[in-house]
Amino acid sequence: MALVPWSGHARRYREIADILARHGLGHVLTVAGLSRWLPGPRRGQEGQGAPAGAPVHVRRALEELGPTFMKLGQILSTRPDLVPEPYQAELAKLQDAAPPVPAEAIHAVVREELGMDADSAFASFDDAPLASASIGQVHEARLADGTRVVVKVRKPGAVERIREDLEILRNVTATATRAWPVLANYDVEGLVEEFSKTLTTELDYLEEARSAERFATNFAGDERFRFPKVYWDTTTSRILTLEFMEGLKINDVAALDAAGLDRRALADHSAAALAQMIFEDGFFHADPHPGNMFVEPGGRIALIDFGMVGEISDQLRHDLGRLLIALARKDPRRLARVLEAMSRSGAVEDRKRLAADVAVFISLYDGVDLADVNLARLAQKLLAVIRHHHLVMPAEAAVVIKMLVMAEGLGRVLDPQFRLSRVLEPHVRRLLLEQYSPAAITRSLKEAGLTAMDLAGDLPDLIDSASRVLDAGGFEVHLRAAELEPLMARAERVGNKVLAAVIAAAFIRGVGEVVTNDTRWRGWRAPLLRTGIGAAGGLGTYLAVSALRRRRR
């Protein structure tokens, strides 16, 4: 991580230190090395008059610190694996609002980006903003054909301030990690880099425009949802022109009832959209709060604001499948292993304790059908276990969990009988079936065999290196005769496993290539696949019998 000299942003450092001190965050000042930026008389007195670390003061401090830190707070509110619930709830109140900049400044950006005045680029352009956020400002306009649009313009100077704050964040994070080693358990420096990439992407309105079109494509033909059209002729990295979307707020129950809309259907539809994004498309809206969802007169749900999106990799889908299997089977050991494997913070310090805590968690819904479980409450309990053991979930996984909690909360506002688990059930069932499909089993066997082949390929070099060390008299080994037998037995078992894996991998790979590339064998795909799995099973049986015989001897 490249750091800049602390002296490069002295004025901003002093401003940050002053705000943190006034809100009782003296511990943060000390750990981050910011106390030295306070005036002499105030050092050692930072935080007096404010409850230390109270959630409300953390939120207010972030608001005063400006756009970069407000965005950081908003993202942390979606990370329940890192932030306790009281702080999540308070940080979720952060509204990305800021005083509007003068219309002249907005018009100057339009001229620079489009090469013409706003009055020429649009049939009309309202100088009074619809909304003013820290990074951009939104204005209503009309195109030459009368189409009503919203024009989002990035404020002048926003990029420069954010870049400065990101450099400062990198510096203080590196300092804090050295001063307080426990932060290394959470990979705080990696999280800051991740946040920097996310925020930098959000500054580019072309990315947001592409995301809007991708969602529209994914939901094409589904009359339950609508996404705004992008007008590319007046869209650049600093200006975004979208179709105007309006309707009732999806959580305004009184207005929905007055309009005669079916709230139960809206609850199901909003959850269905979320399920499709996560389990089918692998591309999701990372900020689906009620302010970004409107209900049109016919009951169709319109979604806006695509600055924060996420993607689910094949590996994450696989991990989520394993997690769901463990939950469905109520298997604490399996669930503990999956959580540790998914964590970015490395090995768990106390695996037995983790397994015990997971067992207690599973007992909370023992005897209850998973489809009837309150997922929001269940997720909060599981996340408490994750935080207690310093596990750090991938950002996408943490956001998905937060989205599920938000979706269930919204569903219950619309329909008190709503159960998100019932909407997710068909998607979960399909995901579980994918985990145990013949293709998935074959892929796992092939990957294991290829790993063993790589190991076998490295063995000559390892043996050669060891031989050179021995020839040079680098070290001496003393073994008693009684120690040789178990050592040789273990070597033989390892050798058998490597050999069997290599044979299985070669067989499976050969069958796959024949079936894929030779048209004459396509009618035999199923028999060949069964033969391949049978051969792998036979090899596994051989290894198990061999191990049993050796254990008896």
Protein backbone atom coordinates (compact mmCIF):
# COMPACT_ATOMS: atom_id res chain seq x y z
CA MET A 1 0.00 0.00 0.00
CA ALA A 2 1.63 3.23 -1.16
CA LEU A 3 1.45 5.93 1.52
CA VAL A 4 1.87 9.69 1.21
CA PRO A 5 3.73 11.86 3.75
CA TRP A 6 1.58 12.95 6.67
CA SER A 7 2.65 16.55 6.07
CA GLY A 8 1.03 16.50 2.63
CA HIS A 9 -2.46 17.13 4.02
CA ALA A 10 -1.77 18.93 7.29
CA ARG A 11 -4.87 21.13 7.19
CA ARG A 12 -7.18 18.18 6.57
CA TYR A 13 -5.49 16.11 9.30
CA ARG A 14 -6.11 18.91 11.80
CA GLU A 15 -9.75 19.15 10.71
CA ILE A 16 -10.29 15.39 11.09
CA ALA A 17 -8.60 15.31 14.51
CA ASP A 18 -10.74 18.20 15.76
CA ILE A 19 -14.02 16.57 14.65
CA LEU A 20 -13.13 13.19 16.16
CA ALA A 21 -12.11 14.81 19.45
CA ARG A 22 -15.36 16.77 19.73
CA HIS A 23 -17.37 13.57 19.32
CA GLY A 24 -15.61 11.58 22.03
CA LEU A 25 -13.51 9.39 19.73
CA GLY A 26 -10.27 9.87 21.63
CA HIS A 27 -9.31 6.20 21.35
CA VAL A 28 -9.49 6.44 17.55
CA LEU A 29 -7.28 9.54 17.67
CA THR A 30 -4.67 7.76 19.76
CA VAL A 31 -4.58 4.51 17.81
CA ALA A 32 -4.58 6.27 14.43
CA GLY A 33 -1.79 8.64 15.45
CA LEU A 34 -3.95 11.75 15.00
CA SER A 35 -3.62 13.18 18.52
CA ARG A 36 -0.53 15.15 17.51
CA TRP A 37 -2.67 17.21 15.12
CA LEU A 38 -4.72 18.65 18.00
CA PRO A 39 -3.73 22.05 19.42
CA GLY A 40 -1.44 21.72 22.45
CA PRO A 41 -4.00 22.70 25.12
CA ARG A 42 -6.49 20.07 23.87
CA ARG A 43 -4.14 17.09 23.83
CA GLY A 44 -5.06 14.58 26.49
CA GLN A 45 -8.55 16.09 26.77
CA GLU A 46 -10.00 14.80 23.52
CA GLY A 47 -13.54 13.51 23.81
CA GLN A 48 -14.51 15.39 26.97
CA GLY A 49 -18.22 16.22 27.02
CA ALA A 50 -19.25 13.43 24.62
CA PRO A 51 -19.99 9.77 25.35
CA ALA A 52 -16.96 7.85 24.08
CA GLY A 53 -17.80 5.89 20.95
CA ALA A 54 -21.60 6.31 21.23
CA PRO A 55 -23.18 5.28 17.90
CA VAL A 56 -24.92 8.61 17.43
CA HIS A 57 -21.63 10.50 17.86
CA VAL A 58 -19.90 8.19 15.39
CA ARG A 59 -22.59 9.00 12.82
CA ARG A 60 -22.43 12.74 13.49
CA ALA A 61 -18.64 12.71 13.21
CA LEU A 62 -18.83 10.97 9.84
CA GLU A 63 -21.40 13.50 8.64
CA GLU A 64 -19.10 16.38 9.59
CA LEU A 65 -16.09 14.70 7.98
CA GLY A 66 -17.74 14.87 4.57
CA PRO A 67 -18.51 12.68 1.55
CA THR A 68 -15.70 10.12 1.81
CA PHE A 69 -16.40 9.28 5.44
CA MET A 70 -20.17 9.34 4.94
CA LYS A 71 -19.78 6.78 2.15
CA LEU A 72 -17.55 4.74 4.46
CA GLY A 73 -20.26 4.81 7.12
CA GLN A 74 -22.93 3.78 4.61
CA ILE A 75 -20.85 0.81 3.50
CA LEU A 76 -20.08 -0.19 7.10
CA SER A 77 -23.82 -0.18 7.77
CA THR A 78 -24.04 -3.02 5.22
CA ARG A 79 -21.28 -5.04 6.93
CA PRO A 80 -23.02 -6.82 9.82
CA ASP A 81 -20.03 -9.17 10.07
CA LEU A 82 -17.91 -6.21 11.21
CA VAL A 83 -20.25 -3.75 12.90
CA PRO A 84 -22.53 -4.48 15.89
CA GLU A 85 -26.27 -3.91 15.36
CA PRO A 86 -26.55 -0.58 17.30
CA TYR A 87 -23.87 0.95 15.05
CA GLN A 88 -25.43 -0.56 11.92
CA ALA A 89 -28.78 1.01 12.75
CA GLU A 90 -27.21 4.41 13.41
CA LEU A 91 -24.94 4.38 10.35
CA ALA A 92 -27.90 3.40 8.17
CA LYS A 93 -29.34 6.84 9.01
CA LEU A 94 -26.51 8.52 7.13
CA GLN A 95 -28.19 10.37 4.30
CA ASP A 96 -25.97 11.37 1.43
CA ALA A 97 -27.18 14.98 1.45
CA ALA A 98 -25.21 18.18 1.15
CA PRO A 99 -25.88 21.85 0.40
CA PRO A 100 -26.44 22.42 -3.35
CA VAL A 101 -23.75 24.11 -5.40
CA PRO A 102 -24.76 27.17 -7.47
CA ALA A 103 -26.44 26.52 -10.81
CA GLU A 104 -23.54 28.28 -12.56
CA ALA A 105 -21.15 25.55 -11.38
CA ILE A 106 -23.47 22.82 -12.72
CA HIS A 107 -23.81 24.59 -16.07
CA ALA A 108 -20.02 24.85 -16.29
CA VAL A 109 -19.68 21.05 -15.89
CA VAL A 110 -22.33 20.49 -18.60
CA ARG A 111 -20.43 22.79 -21.01
CA GLU A 112 -17.13 21.03 -20.31
CA GLU A 113 -18.61 17.55 -20.79
CA LEU A 114 -21.10 18.05 -23.64
CA GLY A 115 -19.48 20.97 -25.45
CA MET A 116 -22.67 23.04 -25.25
CA ASP A 117 -24.84 24.85 -22.73
CA ALA A 118 -27.51 22.94 -20.80
CA ASP A 119 -30.19 24.95 -22.61
CA SER A 120 -28.84 23.62 -25.91
CA ALA A 121 -28.32 20.03 -24.79
CA PHE A 122 -31.83 19.83 -23.31
CA ALA A 123 -35.17 21.37 -24.28
CA SER A 124 -35.43 22.56 -20.67
CA PHE A 125 -33.20 22.32 -17.59
CA ASP A 126 -34.44 23.17 -14.10
CA ASP A 127 -31.76 25.01 -12.13
CA ALA A 128 -33.40 24.07 -8.80
CA PRO A 129 -31.99 20.64 -7.88
CA LEU A 130 -34.25 17.70 -7.05
CA ALA A 131 -31.56 16.43 -4.69
CA SER A 132 -28.04 17.38 -3.69
CA ALA A 133 -25.65 14.72 -2.44
CA SER A 134 -22.00 14.95 -1.46
CA ILE A 135 -20.72 13.82 -4.86
CA GLY A 136 -23.47 14.73 -7.30
CA GLN A 137 -26.49 16.93 -7.79
CA VAL A 138 -29.71 15.88 -9.57
CA HIS A 139 -31.76 18.16 -11.83
CA GLU A 140 -34.95 17.60 -13.79
CA ALA A 141 -34.83 18.25 -17.53
CA ARG A 142 -36.63 17.46 -20.77
CA LEU A 143 -35.24 16.17 -24.04
CA ALA A 144 -36.05 17.66 -27.43
CA ASP A 145 -38.95 15.21 -27.89
CA GLY A 146 -40.43 16.21 -24.51
CA THR A 147 -39.22 13.13 -22.61
CA ARG A 148 -38.88 13.83 -18.91
CA VAL A 149 -35.42 12.92 -17.55
CA VAL A 150 -33.20 13.37 -14.52
CA VAL A 151 -29.66 14.67 -15.01
CA LYS A 152 -27.09 13.73 -12.38
CA VAL A 153 -24.04 16.02 -12.43
CA ARG A 154 -20.86 15.40 -10.46
CA LYS A 155 -19.97 18.41 -8.34
CA PRO A 156 -16.75 20.30 -9.09
CA GLY A 157 -13.91 19.40 -6.71
CA ALA A 158 -15.57 16.20 -5.45
CA VAL A 159 -12.90 13.92 -6.91
CA GLU A 160 -10.01 15.92 -5.50
CA ARG A 161 -11.44 15.90 -1.96
CA ILE A 162 -12.20 12.18 -2.07
CA ARG A 163 -8.71 11.32 -3.31
CA GLU A 164 -7.18 13.34 -0.49
CA ASP A 165 -9.36 11.63 2.11
CA LEU A 166 -8.58 8.18 0.71
CA GLU A 167 -4.84 8.87 1.01
CA ILE A 168 -5.39 9.95 4.62
CA LEU A 169 -7.45 6.81 5.33
CA ARG A 170 -4.62 4.63 4.02
CA ASN A 171 -2.11 6.39 6.26
CA VAL A 172 -4.13 6.27 9.47
CA THR A 173 -5.16 2.65 8.83
CA ALA A 174 -1.54 1.55 8.46
CA THR A 175 -0.64 3.42 11.65
CA ALA A 176 -3.59 2.00 13.58
CA THR A 177 -2.80 -1.58 12.50
CA ARG A 178 0.75 -1.24 13.85
CA ALA A 179 -0.45 0.33 17.11
CA TRP A 180 -3.33 -2.09 17.67
CA PRO A 181 -2.49 -5.56 16.24
CA VAL A 182 -6.04 -6.85 16.79
CA LEU A 183 -7.03 -4.85 13.69
CA ALA A 184 -4.95 -7.25 11.61
CA ASN A 185 -7.57 -9.92 12.41
CA TYR A 186 -10.05 -7.88 10.38
CA ASP A 187 -7.69 -7.04 7.49
CA VAL A 188 -8.56 -3.36 7.92
CA GLU A 189 -6.01 -2.23 5.34
CA GLY A 190 -7.53 -4.60 2.80
CA LEU A 191 -11.00 -3.28 3.64
CA VAL A 192 -9.85 0.30 3.05
CA GLU A 193 -8.42 -0.67 -0.34
CA GLU A 194 -11.69 -2.39 -1.18
CA PHE A 195 -13.62 0.71 -0.13
CA SER A 196 -11.32 2.92 -2.21
CA LYS A 197 -12.04 0.87 -5.35
CA THR A 198 -15.78 0.93 -4.68
CA LEU A 199 -15.87 4.69 -4.16
CA THR A 200 -13.64 5.39 -7.17
CA THR A 201 -16.00 3.34 -9.35
CA GLU A 202 -18.98 5.26 -7.98
CA LEU A 203 -17.38 8.50 -9.15
CA ASP A 204 -17.64 7.33 -12.76
CA TYR A 205 -21.22 7.77 -13.97
CA LEU A 206 -20.52 5.63 -17.04
CA GLU A 207 -20.25 2.64 -14.68
CA GLU A 208 -23.61 3.49 -13.12
CA ALA A 209 -25.18 3.81 -16.58
CA ARG A 210 -23.89 0.39 -17.59
CA SER A 211 -25.23 -1.10 -14.36
CA ALA A 212 -28.70 0.36 -15.02
CA GLU A 213 -28.74 -1.21 -18.49
CA ARG A 214 -27.52 -4.55 -17.16
CA PHE A 215 -30.38 -4.70 -14.66
CA ALA A 216 -32.87 -3.77 -17.38
CA THR A 217 -31.53 -6.61 -19.54
CA ASN A 218 -31.65 -9.14 -16.70
CA PHE A 219 -35.31 -8.29 -15.99
CA ALA A 220 -36.40 -7.82 -19.60
CA GLY A 221 -39.91 -9.18 -20.13
CA ASP A 222 -40.81 -9.19 -16.43
CA GLU A 223 -43.70 -6.75 -16.10
CA ARG A 224 -43.38 -6.59 -12.32
CA PHE A 225 -40.27 -4.37 -12.46
CA ARG A 226 -39.00 -1.35 -14.34
CA PHE A 227 -35.55 0.20 -14.62
CA PRO A 228 -34.78 3.65 -16.07
CA LYS A 229 -33.59 4.02 -19.64
CA VAL A 230 -30.13 5.55 -20.15
CA TYR A 231 -29.80 8.43 -22.63
CA TRP A 232 -26.25 8.03 -23.86
CA ASP A 233 -26.10 11.22 -25.98
CA THR A 234 -26.03 13.28 -22.78
CA THR A 235 -24.15 10.83 -20.53
CA THR A 236 -20.44 10.99 -19.69
CA SER A 237 -18.24 10.07 -16.72
CA ARG A 238 -19.44 13.28 -14.99
CA ILE A 239 -23.05 13.48 -16.26
CA LEU A 240 -25.73 10.79 -16.17
CA THR A 241 -29.07 11.22 -17.93
CA LEU A 242 -31.81 8.74 -17.02
CA GLU A 243 -35.52 8.33 -17.60
CA PHE A 244 -37.56 10.05 -14.89
CA MET A 245 -39.05 7.51 -12.46
CA GLU A 246 -41.83 8.31 -10.01
CA GLY A 247 -44.40 6.60 -7.86
CA LEU A 248 -45.29 5.88 -4.25
CA LYS A 249 -42.58 4.95 -1.78
CA ILE A 250 -42.72 1.21 -1.32
CA ASN A 251 -42.87 1.47 2.49
CA ASP A 252 -45.63 4.11 2.56
CA VAL A 253 -48.34 1.70 3.70
CA ALA A 254 -51.09 4.32 4.02
CA ALA A 255 -50.52 5.65 0.49
CA LEU A 256 -50.40 2.13 -0.95
CA ASP A 257 -53.70 1.25 0.73
CA ALA A 258 -55.29 4.47 -0.47
CA ALA A 259 -54.24 3.60 -4.01
CA GLY A 260 -55.78 0.14 -3.68
CA LEU A 261 -52.47 -1.69 -4.26
CA ASP A 262 -51.89 -5.27 -3.11
CA ARG A 263 -49.25 -5.02 -0.37
CA ARG A 264 -48.86 -8.80 -0.07
CA ALA A 265 -48.01 -9.05 -3.78
CA LEU A 266 -45.57 -6.14 -3.47
CA ALA A 267 -43.79 -7.91 -0.59
CA ASP A 268 -43.45 -11.08 -2.66
CA HIS A 269 -42.33 -9.19 -5.78
CA SER A 270 -39.66 -7.14 -4.02
CA ALA A 271 -38.23 -10.32 -2.47
CA ALA A 272 -38.43 -12.13 -5.82
CA ALA A 273 -36.36 -9.39 -7.46
CA LEU A 274 -33.72 -9.75 -4.76
CA ALA A 275 -33.68 -13.54 -5.10
CA GLN A 276 -33.20 -13.32 -8.87
CA MET A 277 -30.33 -10.87 -8.49
CA ILE A 278 -28.51 -13.07 -5.96
CA PHE A 279 -29.25 -16.65 -7.02
CA GLU A 280 -29.77 -16.35 -10.78
CA ASP A 281 -28.05 -13.27 -12.19
CA GLY A 282 -25.17 -12.99 -9.74
CA PHE A 283 -25.42 -9.19 -10.08
CA PHE A 284 -27.29 -7.27 -7.40
CA HIS A 285 -28.31 -3.80 -6.26
CA ALA A 286 -26.19 -3.24 -3.14
CA ASP A 287 -28.35 -0.45 -1.71
CA PRO A 288 -32.00 -1.57 -2.07
CA HIS A 289 -33.44 0.58 0.70
CA PRO A 290 -37.06 1.81 0.36
CA GLY A 291 -35.92 5.22 -0.89
CA ASN A 292 -34.64 3.55 -4.06
CA MET A 293 -37.88 1.66 -4.78
CA PHE A 294 -41.12 3.19 -6.04
CA VAL A 295 -44.51 1.66 -6.84
CA GLU A 296 -46.13 2.88 -10.03
CA PRO A 297 -49.94 3.22 -10.32
CA GLY A 298 -50.34 -0.26 -11.83
CA GLY A 299 -48.34 -1.89 -9.04
CA ARG A 300 -45.06 -2.22 -10.94
CA ILE A 301 -41.91 -1.66 -8.85
CA ALA A 302 -39.42 0.87 -10.21
CA LEU A 303 -35.80 0.77 -8.98
CA ILE A 304 -33.29 3.64 -9.12
CA ASP A 305 -29.74 4.57 -8.02
CA PHE A 306 -27.21 2.03 -9.30
CA GLY A 307 -24.03 3.55 -7.90
CA MET A 308 -23.55 0.66 -5.45
CA VAL A 309 -23.80 -2.78 -7.05
CA GLY A 310 -22.19 -6.15 -6.40
CA GLU A 311 -21.35 -9.36 -8.22
CA ILE A 312 -21.38 -12.92 -6.93
CA SER A 313 -18.56 -15.10 -8.21
CA ASP A 314 -18.91 -18.81 -8.85
CA GLN A 315 -16.81 -19.47 -5.74
CA LEU A 316 -19.12 -17.35 -3.59
CA ARG A 317 -22.17 -19.13 -5.02
CA HIS A 318 -20.49 -22.41 -4.13
CA ASP A 319 -19.76 -21.19 -0.60
CA LEU A 320 -23.31 -19.91 -0.14
CA GLY A 321 -24.55 -23.32 -1.25
CA ARG A 322 -22.38 -25.07 1.35
CA LEU A 323 -23.60 -22.61 3.98
CA LEU A 324 -27.22 -23.34 3.12
CA ILE A 325 -26.58 -27.09 3.20
CA ALA A 326 -25.10 -26.80 6.70
CA LEU A 327 -28.05 -24.68 7.86
CA ALA A 328 -30.61 -27.01 6.31
CA ARG A 329 -28.94 -30.06 7.89
CA LYS A 330 -28.41 -28.24 11.19
CA ASP A 331 -24.82 -29.49 11.17
CA PRO A 332 -22.67 -27.33 13.51
CA ARG A 333 -19.33 -28.84 12.44
CA ARG A 334 -20.01 -28.35 8.76
CA LEU A 335 -21.28 -24.79 9.34
CA ALA A 336 -18.19 -23.91 11.40
CA ARG A 337 -15.90 -25.24 8.63
CA VAL A 338 -17.76 -23.26 5.96
CA LEU A 339 -17.59 -20.03 7.97
CA GLU A 340 -13.86 -20.45 8.53
CA ALA A 341 -13.27 -21.25 4.84
CA MET A 342 -15.21 -18.15 3.76
CA SER A 343 -13.43 -15.81 6.19
CA ARG A 344 -10.71 -13.49 4.94
CA SER A 345 -9.09 -13.23 8.36
CA GLY A 346 -7.33 -16.61 8.26
CA ALA A 347 -7.55 -19.58 10.61
CA VAL A 348 -9.78 -19.44 13.68
CA GLU A 349 -7.91 -19.29 16.99
CA ASP A 350 -10.25 -21.72 18.76
CA ARG A 351 -12.05 -24.09 16.39
CA LYS A 352 -13.68 -26.06 19.22
CA ARG A 353 -15.14 -22.90 20.67
CA LEU A 354 -16.41 -21.84 17.24
CA ALA A 355 -18.08 -25.22 16.74
CA ALA A 356 -19.64 -24.97 20.22
CA ASP A 357 -20.98 -21.46 19.55
CA VAL A 358 -22.36 -22.57 16.19
CA ALA A 359 -24.07 -25.52 17.90
CA VAL A 360 -25.77 -23.11 20.32
CA PHE A 361 -26.84 -20.97 17.36
CA ILE A 362 -28.34 -23.98 15.54
CA SER A 363 -30.23 -25.00 18.67
CA LEU A 364 -32.19 -21.73 18.37
CA TYR A 365 -34.17 -23.11 15.45
CA ASP A 366 -33.95 -26.80 16.27
CA GLY A 367 -37.31 -28.48 15.65
CA VAL A 368 -38.52 -25.57 13.48
CA ASP A 369 -38.96 -25.83 9.72
CA LEU A 370 -36.37 -23.56 8.10
CA ALA A 371 -39.11 -22.11 5.88
CA ASP A 372 -40.83 -20.74 9.02
CA VAL A 373 -37.73 -19.18 10.56
CA ASN A 374 -37.36 -15.42 10.92
CA LEU A 375 -34.29 -14.99 8.73
CA ALA A 376 -33.51 -11.50 9.99
CA ARG A 377 -33.31 -12.64 13.61
CA LEU A 378 -31.41 -15.77 12.60
CA ALA A 379 -28.88 -13.75 10.58
CA GLN A 380 -28.27 -11.38 13.48
CA LYS A 381 -27.48 -14.31 15.78
CA LEU A 382 -25.13 -15.90 13.26
CA LEU A 383 -23.36 -12.59 12.63
CA ALA A 384 -22.81 -12.19 16.37
CA VAL A 385 -20.91 -15.51 16.30
CA ILE A 386 -18.93 -14.35 13.26
CA ARG A 387 -17.92 -11.09 14.94
CA HIS A 388 -17.04 -12.83 18.22
CA HIS A 389 -14.53 -15.06 16.43
CA HIS A 390 -13.08 -12.22 14.31
CA LEU A 391 -14.21 -13.80 11.05
CA VAL A 392 -14.37 -11.41 8.09
CA MET A 393 -16.76 -12.43 5.34
CA PRO A 394 -16.16 -11.45 1.69
CA ALA A 395 -17.75 -8.04 1.09
CA GLU A 396 -20.30 -9.46 -1.33
CA ALA A 397 -21.38 -12.17 1.13
CA ALA A 398 -21.80 -9.62 3.93
CA VAL A 399 -23.86 -7.33 1.69
CA VAL A 400 -26.04 -10.27 0.58
CA ILE A 401 -26.80 -11.09 4.22
CA LYS A 402 -27.64 -7.45 4.90
CA MET A 403 -29.89 -7.36 1.83
CA LEU A 404 -31.76 -10.45 3.01
CA VAL A 405 -32.33 -8.81 6.40
CA MET A 406 -33.56 -5.59 4.71
CA ALA A 407 -35.82 -7.55 2.36
CA GLU A 408 -37.46 -9.44 5.21
CA GLY A 409 -37.93 -6.20 7.15
CA LEU A 410 -39.59 -4.50 4.18
CA GLY A 411 -41.73 -7.58 3.50
CA ARG A 412 -43.05 -7.60 7.06
CA VAL A 413 -43.91 -3.88 6.83
CA LEU A 414 -45.98 -4.61 3.73
CA ASP A 415 -47.39 -7.92 4.97
CA PRO A 416 -47.10 -9.00 8.64
CA GLN A 417 -47.40 -12.66 7.55
CA PHE A 418 -44.52 -12.38 5.07
CA ARG A 419 -41.73 -14.98 5.27
CA LEU A 420 -38.70 -14.35 3.09
CA SER A 421 -37.59 -17.97 3.47
CA ARG A 422 -40.68 -19.13 1.54
CA VAL A 423 -39.79 -16.88 -1.41
CA LEU A 424 -36.19 -18.06 -1.36
CA GLU A 425 -37.04 -21.75 -0.99
CA PRO A 426 -37.10 -22.70 -4.73
CA HIS A 427 -33.83 -20.84 -5.35
CA VAL A 428 -32.19 -22.51 -2.36
CA ARG A 429 -33.42 -25.94 -3.45
CA ARG A 430 -31.94 -25.45 -6.91
CA LEU A 431 -28.66 -24.26 -5.42
CA LEU A 432 -28.50 -27.35 -3.22
CA LEU A 433 -29.20 -29.64 -6.18
CA GLU A 434 -26.38 -27.94 -8.11
CA GLN A 435 -23.98 -28.82 -5.30
CA TYR A 436 -24.73 -32.54 -5.70
CA SER A 437 -25.28 -32.79 -9.45
CA PRO A 438 -23.14 -35.30 -11.40
CA ALA A 439 -21.41 -32.39 -13.13
CA ALA A 440 -20.48 -30.82 -9.78
CA ILE A 441 -19.19 -34.13 -8.39
CA THR A 442 -17.17 -34.77 -11.55
CA ARG A 443 -15.73 -31.25 -11.39
CA SER A 444 -14.70 -31.73 -7.75
CA LEU A 445 -13.02 -35.06 -8.50
CA LYS A 446 -11.23 -33.59 -11.50
CA GLU A 447 -9.98 -30.60 -9.47
CA ALA A 448 -8.71 -32.93 -6.72
CA GLY A 449 -6.96 -35.09 -9.31
CA LEU A 450 -5.34 -32.11 -11.01
CA THR A 451 -4.09 -30.88 -7.64
CA ALA A 452 -2.56 -34.29 -7.01
CA MET A 453 -0.98 -34.28 -10.48
CA ASP A 454 0.57 -30.89 -9.77
CA LEU A 455 1.95 -32.28 -6.52
CA ALA A 456 3.33 -35.33 -8.33
CA GLY A 457 4.98 -33.06 -10.88
CA ASP A 458 6.70 -31.11 -8.12
CA LEU A 459 8.00 -34.22 -6.35
CA PRO A 460 11.19 -34.67 -8.51
CA ASP A 461 12.26 -31.08 -7.81
CA LEU A 462 11.58 -31.48 -4.09
CA ILE A 463 13.54 -34.75 -3.98
CA ASP A 464 16.41 -33.16 -5.93
CA SER A 465 16.50 -30.19 -3.51
CA ALA A 466 16.52 -32.52 -0.52
CA SER A 467 19.31 -34.59 -2.11
CA ARG A 468 21.50 -31.53 -2.59
CA VAL A 469 20.99 -30.53 1.05
CA LEU A 470 21.92 -34.03 2.21
CA ASP A 471 25.00 -34.14 -0.03
CA ALA A 472 26.14 -30.87 1.44
CA GLY A 473 25.79 -32.23 4.96
CA GLY A 474 23.23 -29.56 5.78
CA PHE A 475 21.56 -31.45 8.65
CA GLU A 476 21.47 -34.79 10.43
CA VAL A 477 18.44 -36.99 11.08
CA HIS A 478 18.26 -39.41 14.01
CA LEU A 479 15.52 -42.08 13.93
CA ARG A 480 14.95 -45.05 16.14
CA ALA A 481 13.85 -48.29 14.48
CA ALA A 482 10.51 -48.17 16.27
CA GLU A 483 9.77 -44.82 14.62
CA LEU A 484 10.32 -46.06 11.07
CA GLU A 485 7.27 -48.31 10.77
CA PRO A 486 4.58 -45.64 11.38
CA LEU A 487 6.53 -43.20 9.21
CA MET A 488 6.69 -45.64 6.30
CA ALA A 489 3.04 -46.58 6.77
CA ARG A 490 2.03 -42.94 6.51
CA ALA A 491 4.22 -42.46 3.42
CA GLU A 492 2.59 -45.49 1.81
CA ARG A 493 -0.91 -44.14 2.54
CA VAL A 494 -0.02 -40.75 1.07
CA GLY A 495 1.48 -42.44 -1.98
CA ASN A 496 -1.64 -44.53 -2.50
CA LYS A 497 -3.85 -41.45 -2.32
CA VAL A 498 -1.70 -39.48 -4.76
CA LEU A 499 -1.58 -42.40 -7.19
CA ALA A 500 -5.33 -42.99 -7.01
CA ALA A 501 -6.08 -39.29 -7.47
CA VAL A 502 -3.76 -39.09 -10.49
CA ILE A 503 -5.42 -42.12 -12.10
CA ALA A 504 -8.91 -40.79 -11.36
CA ALA A 505 -8.04 -37.35 -12.75
CA ALA A 506 -6.55 -38.80 -15.91
CA PHE A 507 -9.56 -41.08 -16.42
CA ILE A 508 -12.13 -38.31 -15.85
CA ARG A 509 -10.25 -35.85 -18.01
CA GLY A 510 -9.95 -38.41 -20.81
CA VAL A 511 -13.65 -39.24 -20.70
CA GLY A 512 -14.53 -35.54 -20.67
CA GLU A 513 -12.37 -34.78 -23.69
CA VAL A 514 -13.71 -37.75 -25.66
CA VAL A 515 -17.33 -36.82 -24.93
CA THR A 516 -16.76 -33.15 -25.67
CA ASN A 517 -14.64 -33.33 -28.78
CA ASP A 518 -15.63 -36.58 -30.53
CA THR A 519 -19.16 -36.50 -31.94
CA ARG A 520 -19.25 -40.30 -32.22
CA TRP A 521 -19.41 -40.59 -28.40
CA ARG A 522 -22.13 -38.05 -27.70
CA GLY A 523 -24.83 -40.70 -27.45
CA TRP A 524 -22.74 -42.41 -24.76
CA ARG A 525 -22.36 -39.37 -22.51
CA ALA A 526 -24.49 -40.69 -19.64
CA PRO A 527 -22.95 -44.22 -19.64
CA LEU A 528 -19.44 -42.77 -19.78
CA LEU A 529 -20.21 -40.36 -16.96
CA ARG A 530 -21.58 -43.20 -14.82
CA THR A 531 -18.53 -45.29 -15.64
CA GLY A 532 -16.22 -42.41 -14.62
CA ILE A 533 -17.98 -41.89 -11.31
CA GLY A 534 -18.03 -45.67 -10.74
CA ALA A 535 -14.29 -45.88 -11.38
CA ALA A 536 -13.63 -43.04 -8.95
CA GLY A 537 -15.87 -44.76 -6.40
CA GLY A 538 -14.00 -48.03 -6.91
CA LEU A 539 -10.69 -46.33 -6.28
CA GLY A 540 -12.12 -44.73 -3.15
CA THR A 541 -13.35 -48.12 -1.93
CA TYR A 542 -9.91 -49.61 -2.54
CA LEU A 543 -8.28 -46.89 -0.47
CA ALA A 544 -10.82 -47.32 2.34
CA VAL A 545 -10.34 -51.13 2.46
CA SER A 546 -6.56 -50.73 2.39
CA ALA A 547 -6.70 -48.28 5.27
CA LEU A 548 -8.97 -50.60 7.25
CA ARG A 549 -6.65 -53.58 6.78
CA ARG A 550 -3.64 -51.55 7.87
CA ARG A 551 -5.48 -50.28 10.92
CA ARG A 552 -6.34 -53.88 11.93
CA ARG A 553 -2.72 -54.97 11.51
